[in-house]
Amino acid sequence: MATIAELKAVLKDTLEKRGALGQIKARIRAEVFNALDDQSEPRPPLSHENLLINELIREYLEFNKYKYAASVLTAEAGQPEVPLDRQFLVKELNIVEDANGKSTSLVWNYITLLTSW
C-alpha cells in the first residue's frame, strides 16, 4: 500500500503533466485577488485609449490561453466582462492582418505594423 507522501507525489506529477496544476494555482491566485479587491475604493474612469490597450492585452492573454491572468486583468482594470470583437480592435487600431494574421495575437500584428514604418 502506498504512503500518503507517495500518493501526493503521484497526484502532483499527474496534475503537472496535464497542465492542471498551473491552472489550479492561477485560479486560486485570481480568487484571492477577487476576495481582497477593495470595491469601496472607486477606480478612475476607463478612458477609450486605456480600454483599447487593456483589450489588446486581454486578447494576447486569451490567445495564449492565459485565461486566469486575463480574468484578473478584467477584474482589476474594470474591463467589460465580454471582450471587444477582434475585428473591432483591428479596425480601431489600424492593424493590418495578412493571411496568417489570425494565427498570431493582435499584439504581434501590432508590433509588426509599428516596426515596418
N, C-alpha and C. Protein backbone atom coordinates (compact mmCIF):
# COMPACT_ATOMS: atom_id res chain seq x y z
N MET A 1 0.84 -1.19 0.00
CA MET A 1 0.00 0.00 0.00
C MET A 1 0.88 1.25 0.00
N ALA A 2 0.48 2.24 -0.81
CA ALA A 2 1.25 3.47 -0.96
C ALA A 2 1.08 4.37 0.26
N THR A 3 2.11 5.11 0.55
CA THR A 3 2.04 6.06 1.66
C THR A 3 1.37 7.34 1.18
N ILE A 4 1.00 8.16 2.12
CA ILE A 4 0.38 9.46 1.80
C ILE A 4 1.35 10.29 0.97
N ALA A 5 2.61 10.28 1.34
CA ALA A 5 3.62 11.06 0.60
C ALA A 5 3.73 10.58 -0.84
N GLU A 6 3.67 9.27 -1.06
CA GLU A 6 3.75 8.74 -2.42
C GLU A 6 2.51 9.12 -3.23
N LEU A 7 1.35 9.07 -2.60
CA LEU A 7 0.12 9.46 -3.29
C LEU A 7 0.15 10.94 -3.67
N LYS A 8 0.64 11.77 -2.74
CA LYS A 8 0.76 13.21 -3.03
C LYS A 8 1.69 13.45 -4.22
N ALA A 9 2.81 12.72 -4.22
CA ALA A 9 3.79 12.90 -5.30
C ALA A 9 3.21 12.49 -6.64
N VAL A 10 2.49 11.35 -6.67
CA VAL A 10 1.88 10.88 -7.92
C VAL A 10 0.80 11.86 -8.38
N LEU A 11 0.00 12.34 -7.46
CA LEU A 11 -1.06 13.30 -7.80
C LEU A 11 -0.46 14.59 -8.35
N LYS A 12 0.56 15.10 -7.69
CA LYS A 12 1.21 16.33 -8.15
C LYS A 12 1.81 16.13 -9.54
N ASP A 13 2.48 15.01 -9.75
CA ASP A 13 3.09 14.71 -11.04
C ASP A 13 2.03 14.63 -12.14
N THR A 14 0.93 13.96 -11.85
CA THR A 14 -0.15 13.81 -12.82
C THR A 14 -0.76 15.16 -13.17
N LEU A 15 -1.03 15.98 -12.16
CA LEU A 15 -1.60 17.30 -12.40
C LEU A 15 -0.64 18.19 -13.19
N GLU A 16 0.65 18.09 -12.92
CA GLU A 16 1.64 18.86 -13.67
C GLU A 16 1.68 18.43 -15.12
N LYS A 17 1.68 17.12 -15.37
CA LYS A 17 1.73 16.60 -16.74
C LYS A 17 0.52 17.03 -17.56
N ARG A 18 -0.62 17.11 -16.93
CA ARG A 18 -1.85 17.52 -17.62
C ARG A 18 -1.97 19.04 -17.74
N GLY A 19 -1.08 19.76 -17.07
CA GLY A 19 -1.16 21.22 -17.09
C GLY A 19 -2.19 21.77 -16.14
N ALA A 20 -2.80 20.90 -15.36
CA ALA A 20 -3.87 21.33 -14.46
C ALA A 20 -3.33 22.03 -13.22
N LEU A 21 -2.15 21.66 -12.76
CA LEU A 21 -1.62 22.24 -11.53
C LEU A 21 -1.40 23.74 -11.70
N GLY A 22 -0.84 24.15 -12.82
CA GLY A 22 -0.64 25.58 -13.08
C GLY A 22 -1.96 26.32 -13.15
N GLN A 23 -2.96 25.69 -13.77
CA GLN A 23 -4.29 26.31 -13.87
C GLN A 23 -4.92 26.45 -12.49
N ILE A 24 -4.76 25.42 -11.66
CA ILE A 24 -5.32 25.47 -10.31
C ILE A 24 -4.67 26.59 -9.50
N LYS A 25 -3.35 26.69 -9.59
CA LYS A 25 -2.64 27.75 -8.87
C LYS A 25 -3.07 29.13 -9.37
N ALA A 26 -3.20 29.27 -10.68
CA ALA A 26 -3.62 30.56 -11.25
C ALA A 26 -5.04 30.90 -10.81
N ARG A 27 -5.90 29.90 -10.79
CA ARG A 27 -7.29 30.12 -10.37
C ARG A 27 -7.36 30.56 -8.90
N ILE A 28 -6.54 29.92 -8.07
CA ILE A 28 -6.50 30.30 -6.65
C ILE A 28 -6.02 31.74 -6.51
N ARG A 29 -4.96 32.11 -7.26
CA ARG A 29 -4.47 33.49 -7.20
C ARG A 29 -5.56 34.47 -7.63
N ALA A 30 -6.28 34.13 -8.70
CA ALA A 30 -7.35 35.01 -9.18
C ALA A 30 -8.45 35.15 -8.14
N GLU A 31 -8.83 34.05 -7.50
CA GLU A 31 -9.88 34.10 -6.48
C GLU A 31 -9.42 34.88 -5.25
N VAL A 32 -8.15 34.73 -4.86
CA VAL A 32 -7.62 35.50 -3.73
C VAL A 32 -7.66 36.98 -4.08
N PHE A 33 -7.23 37.32 -5.30
CA PHE A 33 -7.29 38.71 -5.72
C PHE A 33 -8.72 39.25 -5.64
N ASN A 34 -9.67 38.49 -6.16
CA ASN A 34 -11.07 38.93 -6.13
C ASN A 34 -11.56 39.12 -4.71
N ALA A 35 -11.15 38.23 -3.81
CA ALA A 35 -11.58 38.34 -2.41
C ALA A 35 -10.97 39.57 -1.74
N LEU A 36 -9.75 39.93 -2.13
CA LEU A 36 -9.07 41.05 -1.49
C LEU A 36 -9.34 42.39 -2.18
N ASP A 37 -9.93 42.34 -3.36
CA ASP A 37 -10.18 43.56 -4.12
C ASP A 37 -11.12 44.46 -3.34
N ASP A 38 -10.68 45.68 -3.09
CA ASP A 38 -11.46 46.63 -2.32
C ASP A 38 -12.43 47.36 -3.24
N GLN A 39 -13.67 46.92 -3.22
CA GLN A 39 -14.70 47.52 -4.08
C GLN A 39 -15.11 48.91 -3.60
N SER A 40 -14.79 49.26 -2.35
CA SER A 40 -15.18 50.56 -1.82
C SER A 40 -14.31 51.69 -2.38
N GLU A 41 -13.12 51.36 -2.87
CA GLU A 41 -12.25 52.37 -3.45
C GLU A 41 -12.55 52.49 -4.94
N PRO A 42 -13.12 53.60 -5.36
CA PRO A 42 -13.51 53.72 -6.77
C PRO A 42 -12.29 53.77 -7.68
N ARG A 43 -12.44 53.16 -8.83
CA ARG A 43 -11.40 53.19 -9.85
C ARG A 43 -11.57 54.46 -10.67
N PRO A 44 -10.47 54.95 -11.24
CA PRO A 44 -10.63 56.10 -12.14
C PRO A 44 -11.42 55.67 -13.37
N PRO A 45 -12.08 56.61 -14.01
CA PRO A 45 -12.84 56.24 -15.22
C PRO A 45 -11.92 55.63 -16.27
N LEU A 46 -12.44 54.67 -16.98
CA LEU A 46 -11.68 53.96 -18.01
C LEU A 46 -11.77 54.75 -19.31
N SER A 47 -10.66 55.34 -19.73
CA SER A 47 -10.65 56.12 -20.97
C SER A 47 -10.74 55.18 -22.17
N HIS A 48 -11.09 55.73 -23.30
CA HIS A 48 -11.19 54.95 -24.54
C HIS A 48 -9.84 54.32 -24.87
N GLU A 49 -8.77 55.10 -24.70
CA GLU A 49 -7.42 54.61 -25.01
C GLU A 49 -7.04 53.44 -24.11
N ASN A 50 -7.30 53.58 -22.80
CA ASN A 50 -6.97 52.50 -21.87
C ASN A 50 -7.83 51.27 -22.10
N LEU A 51 -9.07 51.48 -22.47
CA LEU A 51 -9.94 50.35 -22.81
C LEU A 51 -9.34 49.56 -23.96
N LEU A 52 -8.89 50.24 -25.00
CA LEU A 52 -8.29 49.56 -26.16
C LEU A 52 -6.98 48.86 -25.79
N ILE A 53 -6.14 49.54 -25.01
CA ILE A 53 -4.88 48.92 -24.59
C ILE A 53 -5.15 47.67 -23.77
N ASN A 54 -6.07 47.78 -22.81
CA ASN A 54 -6.41 46.62 -21.98
C ASN A 54 -7.00 45.48 -22.81
N GLU A 55 -7.80 45.82 -23.81
CA GLU A 55 -8.37 44.80 -24.68
C GLU A 55 -7.30 44.12 -25.51
N LEU A 56 -6.32 44.88 -25.95
CA LEU A 56 -5.21 44.31 -26.71
C LEU A 56 -4.42 43.34 -25.83
N ILE A 57 -4.20 43.74 -24.58
CA ILE A 57 -3.50 42.85 -23.63
C ILE A 57 -4.35 41.62 -23.35
N ARG A 58 -5.66 41.82 -23.14
CA ARG A 58 -6.55 40.67 -22.88
C ARG A 58 -6.57 39.71 -24.06
N GLU A 59 -6.61 40.25 -25.29
CA GLU A 59 -6.61 39.39 -26.47
C GLU A 59 -5.33 38.55 -26.51
N TYR A 60 -4.19 39.17 -26.16
CA TYR A 60 -2.92 38.44 -26.11
C TYR A 60 -2.99 37.33 -25.07
N LEU A 61 -3.49 37.66 -23.87
CA LEU A 61 -3.58 36.66 -22.79
C LEU A 61 -4.49 35.51 -23.19
N GLU A 62 -5.65 35.83 -23.74
CA GLU A 62 -6.60 34.79 -24.14
C GLU A 62 -6.09 34.00 -25.34
N PHE A 63 -5.41 34.65 -26.27
CA PHE A 63 -4.83 33.96 -27.43
C PHE A 63 -3.86 32.88 -26.96
N ASN A 64 -3.11 33.18 -25.91
CA ASN A 64 -2.12 32.25 -25.38
C ASN A 64 -2.66 31.37 -24.25
N LYS A 65 -3.98 31.38 -24.08
CA LYS A 65 -4.68 30.54 -23.09
C LYS A 65 -4.31 30.89 -21.65
N TYR A 66 -3.98 32.16 -21.39
CA TYR A 66 -3.73 32.63 -20.03
C TYR A 66 -5.05 33.17 -19.46
N LYS A 67 -6.05 32.30 -19.38
CA LYS A 67 -7.39 32.77 -19.05
C LYS A 67 -7.51 33.32 -17.64
N TYR A 68 -6.74 32.80 -16.70
CA TYR A 68 -6.84 33.33 -15.34
C TYR A 68 -6.16 34.67 -15.22
N ALA A 69 -5.04 34.85 -15.90
CA ALA A 69 -4.40 36.16 -15.94
C ALA A 69 -5.34 37.17 -16.60
N ALA A 70 -6.03 36.74 -17.64
CA ALA A 70 -6.99 37.61 -18.32
C ALA A 70 -8.14 37.97 -17.39
N SER A 71 -8.59 37.02 -16.57
CA SER A 71 -9.70 37.31 -15.66
C SER A 71 -9.28 38.29 -14.57
N VAL A 72 -8.03 38.21 -14.12
CA VAL A 72 -7.53 39.18 -13.14
C VAL A 72 -7.44 40.56 -13.78
N LEU A 73 -6.92 40.64 -15.01
CA LEU A 73 -6.85 41.92 -15.72
C LEU A 73 -8.24 42.52 -15.86
N THR A 74 -9.19 41.71 -16.28
CA THR A 74 -10.56 42.19 -16.48
C THR A 74 -11.14 42.76 -15.19
N ALA A 75 -10.95 42.03 -14.09
CA ALA A 75 -11.49 42.48 -12.80
C ALA A 75 -10.78 43.73 -12.30
N GLU A 76 -9.46 43.71 -12.36
CA GLU A 76 -8.69 44.82 -11.79
C GLU A 76 -8.83 46.10 -12.62
N ALA A 77 -8.88 45.97 -13.92
CA ALA A 77 -8.95 47.14 -14.79
C ALA A 77 -10.37 47.67 -14.95
N GLY A 78 -11.35 46.87 -14.52
CA GLY A 78 -12.74 47.29 -14.71
C GLY A 78 -13.20 47.16 -16.14
N GLN A 79 -12.58 46.24 -16.87
CA GLN A 79 -12.96 46.00 -18.26
C GLN A 79 -14.34 45.36 -18.32
N PRO A 80 -15.07 45.55 -19.40
CA PRO A 80 -16.33 44.82 -19.58
C PRO A 80 -16.05 43.32 -19.58
N GLU A 81 -16.98 42.53 -19.05
CA GLU A 81 -16.81 41.08 -19.00
C GLU A 81 -16.67 40.47 -20.39
N VAL A 82 -17.45 40.99 -21.33
CA VAL A 82 -17.42 40.48 -22.70
C VAL A 82 -16.34 41.25 -23.47
N PRO A 83 -15.35 40.53 -24.02
CA PRO A 83 -14.29 41.22 -24.74
C PRO A 83 -14.80 41.90 -26.01
N LEU A 84 -14.07 42.94 -26.41
CA LEU A 84 -14.39 43.57 -27.69
C LEU A 84 -14.06 42.59 -28.81
N ASP A 85 -14.78 42.70 -29.90
CA ASP A 85 -14.57 41.84 -31.05
C ASP A 85 -13.20 42.09 -31.65
N ARG A 86 -12.52 41.03 -32.04
CA ARG A 86 -11.18 41.14 -32.63
C ARG A 86 -11.18 42.07 -33.84
N GLN A 87 -12.18 41.94 -34.70
CA GLN A 87 -12.23 42.79 -35.90
C GLN A 87 -12.42 44.26 -35.55
N PHE A 88 -13.14 44.53 -34.45
CA PHE A 88 -13.28 45.91 -33.99
C PHE A 88 -11.91 46.46 -33.59
N LEU A 89 -11.12 45.67 -32.85
CA LEU A 89 -9.78 46.10 -32.46
C LEU A 89 -8.89 46.31 -33.68
N VAL A 90 -8.97 45.41 -34.64
CA VAL A 90 -8.18 45.53 -35.87
C VAL A 90 -8.49 46.87 -36.55
N LYS A 91 -9.78 47.17 -36.67
CA LYS A 91 -10.19 48.41 -37.34
C LYS A 91 -9.81 49.63 -36.51
N GLU A 92 -10.08 49.59 -35.22
CA GLU A 92 -9.84 50.74 -34.34
C GLU A 92 -8.35 51.08 -34.23
N LEU A 93 -7.49 50.06 -34.25
CA LEU A 93 -6.04 50.26 -34.09
C LEU A 93 -5.29 50.25 -35.42
N ASN A 94 -6.05 50.16 -36.53
CA ASN A 94 -5.46 50.14 -37.87
C ASN A 94 -4.42 49.04 -38.04
N ILE A 95 -4.74 47.86 -37.54
CA ILE A 95 -3.84 46.72 -37.66
C ILE A 95 -4.12 46.03 -38.99
N VAL A 96 -3.08 45.74 -39.72
CA VAL A 96 -3.22 45.03 -40.99
C VAL A 96 -2.94 43.56 -40.73
N GLU A 97 -3.93 42.73 -41.03
CA GLU A 97 -3.76 41.28 -40.86
C GLU A 97 -3.60 40.64 -42.22
N ASP A 98 -2.51 39.88 -42.36
CA ASP A 98 -2.32 39.13 -43.60
C ASP A 98 -3.01 37.78 -43.46
N ALA A 99 -2.73 36.88 -44.37
CA ALA A 99 -3.38 35.56 -44.35
C ALA A 99 -3.08 34.81 -43.06
N ASN A 100 -1.90 35.03 -42.47
CA ASN A 100 -1.53 34.37 -41.22
C ASN A 100 -1.93 35.17 -39.99
N GLY A 101 -2.59 36.29 -40.19
CA GLY A 101 -2.92 37.21 -39.10
C GLY A 101 -3.66 36.58 -37.94
N LYS A 102 -4.60 35.71 -38.23
CA LYS A 102 -5.40 35.12 -37.16
C LYS A 102 -4.66 34.00 -36.43
N SER A 103 -3.50 33.63 -36.95
CA SER A 103 -2.72 32.60 -36.26
C SER A 103 -1.74 33.22 -35.27
N THR A 104 -1.76 34.55 -35.15
CA THR A 104 -0.93 35.25 -34.19
C THR A 104 -1.80 36.22 -33.40
N SER A 105 -1.29 36.64 -32.26
CA SER A 105 -2.06 37.59 -31.45
C SER A 105 -2.01 38.97 -32.09
N LEU A 106 -2.98 39.81 -31.74
CA LEU A 106 -3.00 41.16 -32.27
C LEU A 106 -1.81 41.95 -31.79
N VAL A 107 -1.28 41.65 -30.61
CA VAL A 107 -0.09 42.34 -30.12
C VAL A 107 1.06 42.13 -31.10
N TRP A 108 1.25 40.90 -31.55
CA TRP A 108 2.31 40.62 -32.51
C TRP A 108 2.06 41.36 -33.82
N ASN A 109 0.83 41.33 -34.30
CA ASN A 109 0.49 42.03 -35.54
C ASN A 109 0.74 43.53 -35.40
N TYR A 110 0.42 44.08 -34.23
CA TYR A 110 0.60 45.50 -33.99
C TYR A 110 2.09 45.85 -33.92
N ILE A 111 2.87 45.02 -33.25
CA ILE A 111 4.32 45.24 -33.18
C ILE A 111 4.92 45.17 -34.58
N THR A 112 4.49 44.20 -35.36
CA THR A 112 4.97 44.07 -36.74
C THR A 112 4.63 45.32 -37.55
N LEU A 113 3.42 45.82 -37.35
CA LEU A 113 3.00 47.03 -38.05
C LEU A 113 3.88 48.21 -37.65
N LEU A 114 4.13 48.38 -36.36
CA LEU A 114 4.93 49.51 -35.88
C LEU A 114 6.37 49.44 -36.34
N THR A 115 6.92 48.24 -36.39
CA THR A 115 8.33 48.10 -36.78
C THR A 115 8.52 48.20 -38.28
N SER A 116 7.44 48.15 -39.05
CA SER A 116 7.56 48.22 -40.52
C SER A 116 7.53 49.68 -41.01
N TRP A 117 7.30 50.63 -40.11
CA TRP A 117 7.24 52.04 -40.53
C TRP A 117 8.59 52.53 -40.81
